[in-house]
Amino acid sequence: MHIFQKTFLAVSLLAGLVCSTAYAADMARETLPNGMRVVVVRNPLAPAVSVQLTYMVGSAEAPKGFPGTAHALEHMMFRGTPSLSGDQLSTVMGTLGGQFNAFTQTDLTRYYCLIPAQDLDVVLHMEADRMQHLSLDAGQWAKERGAIEQEVSMDLSNPGYKAKEQLLPVLFAHSSYDHAPLGTRSSFEATDVKLLRDFYTKWYVPNNAVLVIVGDVDPAATLKKVGRTFGSIPARPLPERPPIPVEGVVPQALTVQTNYAVDSVALLWRGPSLRDKDGPAAAVLDAVLSSRRGPLYPLVLQHKVLAAGLNVDRNIYTGTIKASLTIPKGGDTKAALALLKATLDDIRTKGVSSDVVEGMKKRWLASKDFEKNSILDLGDLWSGAVTAENTDSPDASFDRYAKVTVQDVNALARKLLDPEHGVAMTMLASDHGKPPAGQGFGGSESFAGQGSATGPLPDWAQPVRNVPAPPVYTVPDADFTLPNGLRVVVRTKHVSPTVFLFGHIKSNENIQAPAGKEGVGALTAQLFPFGSVTRDRETLEKSLDDLAANAGGGVNFSVSGRTQDFDAALAILADLELHPAFPQYAFDLTRQNMIRVQAGVEQTPGYRLQQTITKTLYPANSPALRVQSGKSLSGLTREDVLSYYQSVYRPDMTTIEVVGDISVEEARRKITSAFGEWKATGPKPDVDLAAIPFNPVPAVQSVSDPVRSQDVVIMAQINAHGWNDPQRYDMTLADIMLTHGFDSRLYQDLRVRTGYVYTVGSQLALQKNFGNYLFAFGADPASVKAARQHVVQDLQAMVEKPVPVEELARARAHMIRDMILLNAVVTAPSRLDEALMSHGLGWEHLNDAAKAFQAATPESVQAALKNYVRPDGFATFVLGPTPSGLN
């Protein structure tokens, strides 16, 4: 369904495929009598809970000729049941706030959410209702088909997806794995509810489901609650699953035209799956060859390629491995492919470094300490371990990786990375590509349904109307400024033995770069990974691997590590940030690569679109119009980088936040020691763009992109309101009612009722002296005009007439619940703190916001919209085929 963002399951080693044995006392599991497996893990990080329900069925089980059946059913799971209509379901989800989403893979389909813990009962009843009583109404499928075909159109406009579409039939020929889970237009046109119901009846049963609940819950009591809710649903025998592909791969060469700025070549092979005995070794091989300490990165240092890497993609029963090189647009792809083959042969002969293998394993071991820092991520880890890897816990999964040896990795490299048996893939940046066949997917024209709950909600759903009290924003444990002007904030959280530091230097290259030196800020930022005056690149990377820490310099700098290693990791960061080497060889290499990439960028449709938007919205003398070019980059010297660093990187424009397992006293002492001697020279710069008056420019401009079949549409408008405007809270509520959630006005009008779009989004971006408001969606060219009219009409309706009290109440509940969920990630409040400090807003801001949300009325929301928006004054920009009738 992908309502808020497109998400794909990845059992990520770097995220920590682990779970501390300390959870043994805070975890309960049971297999219900009907076969449903349930795992409940307590994490009291915040009054929140992650609920993940996985059905062990995906696109591989789809009927022959209907590859998108599992994906289509995933969509229809959001269309309601006899006791909870699609409109009512949208209302429930929209009111609960948080995250509701789903995804389909080859072997599983997952429905997940992050919600306040008090709402767990509602979600459990909702999932039990959907498991046994899905409506699967023909009229609803007719509407949803338009949206899912727009998703197909969107992905077919993505060259990466088109490459995958060509690759899978080669790697998995004559099997149920020869297609992506997405599906095709032709199959969806032929799909009816009888086929969907048959698939649903066979596979959506408790004995094929795994429920993982993680958060601020009592595991034993929650397990009983799950038993009462799901226990009466009958089990049914499962169909036979498709065989795993065994047919050999026939090497061949594939080519894809792209709208990218660069070319690339790749070799691909069938690889180990998540459950395969070689799966862990494949993941280690991936990490080693993707590391800057690995054997592929020297190709970049030798000026031979722009980038090099390995990617291992593993599903439950299948996997793929991709080794790739990126070169400038128009480069010699045949020579690049020969270079890749020779390099892989060398790796297979010489093997990889045992030191780098051990470095990657140190990181995975250390990641055990990071597991409690996010309720949703911990839910992902448990779901991935129990379902995809079929282990008892993340600990059991981690043990598989801990046992990997360098001999295992090298043996797998010799076995799999054989250039002569790989499928060659060349991706060519082109201005003359063509869209895929079958464009113009259209959608239902029905306008039935009102998008709000019709009739009373069932008793079990009534609690969603009980809006929790707004949370009280907790101010940081410390807020102090060093003598050099560096502001430091500390949040002590003894959730896990980990510490994070986030630093931000307020800057604006468009204002601070000297004339003719556009790009100097970006170039400066890209030089930090090459080390400091005391640690060269290799020493820097090895030091971080040895500590299993992450650190990076720049105007946004950071470090994270275990408590026991934080002193050493902080010293590395401070050395890198305050004493960067900016070596000449790195400058020459990075500038050359930026120039080569820039030449391709300037020919891409996406670049032309961005330039069109900027030139339309901003006045002719605005620094926002400054852009780097091949010419400006060519004129840069290392001295320009040093000068820019000295003028922009200054403590009195910097904020640092330390969060985690550290006391205020420790943080003060350590930050003072690390950054106290940092000095600023000259007056503090003003880096905020000047005020821009309201700028209604109702122009329609199209940028051609021959690769796309679907148009990307952006509607944008500048307004005179900055981040201190008192009506910003009412405007935030208006924005929620327009696009946030499946019950929002534009989701209902553009997707649920018409199928014009797959997704629609908006952004209210406020700067110090002005703001902008934009909408974005993808639609077929024939539907763009009507979709744009819906946006204008919905805005006009909210400007002309106060919104209904019930709609405002849902938006308010959505916002307050989202505020409660802020603490479900340890570092989330820190990100918000940084924004408040950067904007010069006080710690009372969030509490003021909560009060304003509570006090908002339909009339105050209407007044805010009148001041912020001119519905007929949006500039419209279209990327793709020229839509008809738009002016």
Foldseek 3Di string as FASTA:
>chain_A
DQFPHDDDFDLDLLLFLAADPVQVVQKDWDQFPQQATEIETEFALFQKKKKKKKFFAAQLQAPPPWSQLRVLLQLLLCQDFPQAGNLNSQLLDLLQFFDWDWDGFHGMIMTMTMGRNVLVLLVLLSLLCSLPTRDLDQVQLQQQLLLLQQVVQVLLLALVSVLLLVPLCQQQPPHSRSGTNSTDLVSSVVDGSVSSVVVSVQGSASSRMYMYMYYNDRNVVVVVSSCVNNVPGHHDDHDDGTDFGDDAGDADEAETEHLALWKKKKWKHKDAALQDLLNLLVSLLQQQQADCQHQPVVCLLVVNFVDWGKDWAHFQRIIMIMTMTIHFAPDDHVVVLVVSQVSLVVCLVPPIDQLSSVLSLLLNVQSNQVLSQFNNVVSSSQCCCCRRNVDPGSNVSNVSNNPDGSVSNSVVSNVIVNSVRTHMYIYHHDQDAARDPDFDSFHAPFQDDDLHDDDDRPPSSVCSLVFDAFDDQDAFPDWDAFPQQAIETEHEDASGQKKKKKKAFDADCLPQAPPLQAPLQVLLQVQLCQAFPVAGNVRLVSQCSVQSKDWGEHNITMIMGGNVCVLVRLLRRLRSHQGPDSDPSSSVSSLVSVLSSQVSLVPRLVNVLVLVVQPQADDPPWSVNDHDHSSSSVPDDSVSNVVSSQQRVGNSRMYMYMYYNDDPVRVVVSCCVSCVPTHHDDDDDDRFTAFDAWDQDAAEAEGARNHRQKKKKKWKTKHFDAPPDPLVLLQQLVQSLDFPTCSHQLNCVCRSRTSQFNHKHKDWAHHQGITMIMIITIGGLQCVVVSLVSQLVVLVVLLVDFDDPVSLSSSLSNVSRVSSCQSSRRCSVVVVVVVCVNNVHDSCVVVVSNVCSVVDDSVSSNVSSVRGDDSSRIYMYMYHDNHPPDD
